[in-house]
């Protein structure tokens, strides 16, 4: 195995560990189900994904630069970038399928407050 392929496989392994850690680290955040906890999870997930994307781009560039060593190197270099693109497409499709907007007739309308006859103050005749 050429040494350049070993370096590229090591880089892909580093990418895979960061990519998997983004899911595990964001899932480990405890807290109530509110906006702050959700944004903190998104922050942790996005930071790991940005680092993983940077490593994926570096491996793809090295795969292109070292392509004279063989097609195997270029294939190994492009796998992280392709998996990242597949993940982004999956998130977009899942968002579109799971968050379909309802028509105005079907959308949730909060109940209008109604007061019983006992709660309405009656003005005095004074």
Protein backbone atom coordinates (compact mmCIF):
# COMPACT_ATOMS: atom_id res chain seq x y z
CA UNK A 1 0.00 0.00 0.00
CA UNK A 2 1.48 3.36 -0.99
CA UNK A 3 2.23 5.73 1.90
CA UNK A 4 0.00 8.42 0.39
CA UNK A 5 -2.96 6.03 0.54
CA UNK A 6 -2.18 5.34 4.21
CA UNK A 7 -2.24 9.06 4.97
CA UNK A 8 -5.49 9.47 3.11
CA UNK A 9 -7.09 6.53 4.94
CA UNK A 10 -5.94 8.04 8.22
CA UNK A 11 -7.52 11.35 7.22
CA UNK A 12 -10.77 9.59 6.31
CA UNK A 13 -10.73 7.81 9.69
CA UNK A 14 -10.29 11.16 11.45
CA UNK A 15 -13.19 12.56 9.44
CA UNK A 16 -15.38 9.58 10.33
CA UNK A 17 -14.65 9.95 14.03
CA UNK A 18 -15.49 13.68 13.99
CA UNK A 19 -18.59 13.04 11.89
CA UNK A 20 -19.88 10.39 14.32
CA UNK A 21 -18.91 12.47 17.35
CA UNK A 22 -21.12 15.32 16.11
CA UNK A 23 -24.19 13.14 16.57
CA UNK A 24 -23.12 11.63 19.89
CA UNK A 25 -21.99 14.89 21.46
CA UNK A 26 -25.14 16.77 20.49
CA UNK A 27 -27.31 13.92 21.82
CA UNK A 28 -25.51 13.96 25.18
CA UNK A 29 -26.64 17.49 26.02
CA UNK A 30 -29.14 17.27 28.85
CA UNK A 31 -31.73 19.81 29.76
CA UNK A 32 -35.35 20.71 29.48
CA UNK A 33 -36.97 20.67 26.08
CA UNK A 34 -36.84 24.36 25.34
CA UNK A 35 -35.26 26.75 22.89
CA UNK A 36 -32.00 27.17 24.81
CA UNK A 37 -31.26 23.46 24.94
CA UNK A 38 -32.21 23.01 21.30
CA UNK A 39 -29.96 25.85 20.18
CA UNK A 40 -27.10 24.49 22.30
CA UNK A 41 -27.50 21.07 20.66
CA UNK A 42 -27.55 22.69 17.23
CA UNK A 43 -24.44 24.72 18.11
CA UNK A 44 -22.48 21.63 19.17
CA UNK A 45 -23.67 19.66 16.12
CA UNK A 46 -22.80 22.48 13.71
CA UNK A 47 -19.32 23.01 15.17
CA UNK A 48 -18.41 19.33 14.80
CA UNK A 49 -19.91 19.22 11.31
CA UNK A 50 -17.91 22.27 10.21
CA UNK A 51 -14.68 20.65 11.39
CA UNK A 52 -15.67 17.37 9.69
CA UNK A 53 -16.49 19.23 6.47
CA UNK A 54 -13.09 20.92 6.54
CA UNK A 55 -11.38 17.54 6.90
CA UNK A 56 -13.57 16.16 4.07
CA UNK A 57 -12.55 18.99 1.75
CA UNK A 58 -8.89 18.45 2.60
CA UNK A 59 -9.18 14.73 1.86
CA UNK A 60 -10.97 15.43 -1.44
CA UNK A 61 -8.26 17.90 -2.49
CA UNK A 62 -5.54 15.41 -1.58
CA UNK A 63 -7.39 12.73 -3.55
CA UNK A 64 -7.36 15.00 -6.60
CA UNK A 65 -3.72 16.01 -6.12
CA UNK A 66 -2.57 12.42 -5.60
CA UNK A 67 -4.75 10.89 -8.34
CA UNK A 68 -1.69 9.85 -10.33
CA UNK A 69 -1.08 7.20 -7.67
CA UNK A 70 -4.26 5.44 -8.78
CA UNK A 71 -8.03 5.63 -8.85
CA UNK A 72 -8.22 4.12 -5.36
CA UNK A 73 -6.70 7.23 -3.78
CA UNK A 74 -9.15 9.52 -5.54
CA UNK A 75 -12.06 7.32 -4.47
CA UNK A 76 -10.95 7.28 -0.83
CA UNK A 77 -10.46 11.03 -0.91
CA UNK A 78 -13.96 11.76 -2.18
CA UNK A 79 -15.92 9.45 0.15
CA UNK A 80 -16.14 11.94 3.07
CA UNK A 81 -17.35 14.75 0.82
CA UNK A 82 -19.95 12.50 -0.79
CA UNK A 83 -21.25 11.27 2.57
CA UNK A 84 -21.47 14.87 3.80
CA UNK A 85 -23.44 15.86 0.70
CA UNK A 86 -25.71 12.86 1.22
CA UNK A 87 -26.29 13.92 4.83
CA UNK A 88 -27.20 17.48 3.80
CA UNK A 89 -29.60 16.15 1.16
CA UNK A 90 -31.14 13.79 3.72
CA UNK A 91 -31.68 16.61 6.21
CA UNK A 92 -33.30 18.76 3.52
CA UNK A 93 -35.61 15.95 2.37
CA UNK A 94 -36.53 15.01 5.95
CA UNK A 95 -37.30 18.63 6.74
CA UNK A 96 -39.50 18.95 3.68
CA UNK A 97 -41.38 15.72 4.40
CA UNK A 98 -41.77 16.09 8.15
CA UNK A 99 -42.57 19.81 8.23
CA UNK A 100 -45.18 20.13 5.54
CA UNK A 101 -47.25 23.24 6.01
CA UNK A 102 -50.95 22.85 6.50
CA UNK A 103 -53.43 24.93 4.60
CA UNK A 104 -54.93 27.86 6.53
CA UNK A 105 -58.13 25.87 7.05
CA UNK A 106 -56.28 22.93 8.61
CA UNK A 107 -53.74 24.87 10.63
CA UNK A 108 -54.05 25.03 14.38
CA UNK A 109 -56.24 27.79 15.66
CA UNK A 110 -56.00 28.40 19.40
CA UNK A 111 -59.34 28.31 21.18
CA UNK A 112 -60.91 31.68 21.79
CA UNK A 113 -61.29 32.53 25.45
CA UNK A 114 -64.87 32.42 26.57
CA UNK A 115 -66.14 33.55 29.91
CA UNK A 116 -69.06 31.99 31.67
CA UNK A 117 -72.03 34.13 32.70
CA UNK A 118 -70.91 33.99 36.32
CA UNK A 119 -67.53 35.60 35.57
CA UNK A 120 -68.92 38.66 33.75
CA UNK A 121 -69.14 41.64 36.10
CA UNK A 122 -72.53 43.26 36.10
CA UNK A 123 -72.52 47.07 36.42
CA UNK A 124 -74.46 48.40 39.39
CA UNK A 125 -77.39 50.74 38.74
CA UNK A 126 -75.87 53.58 40.86
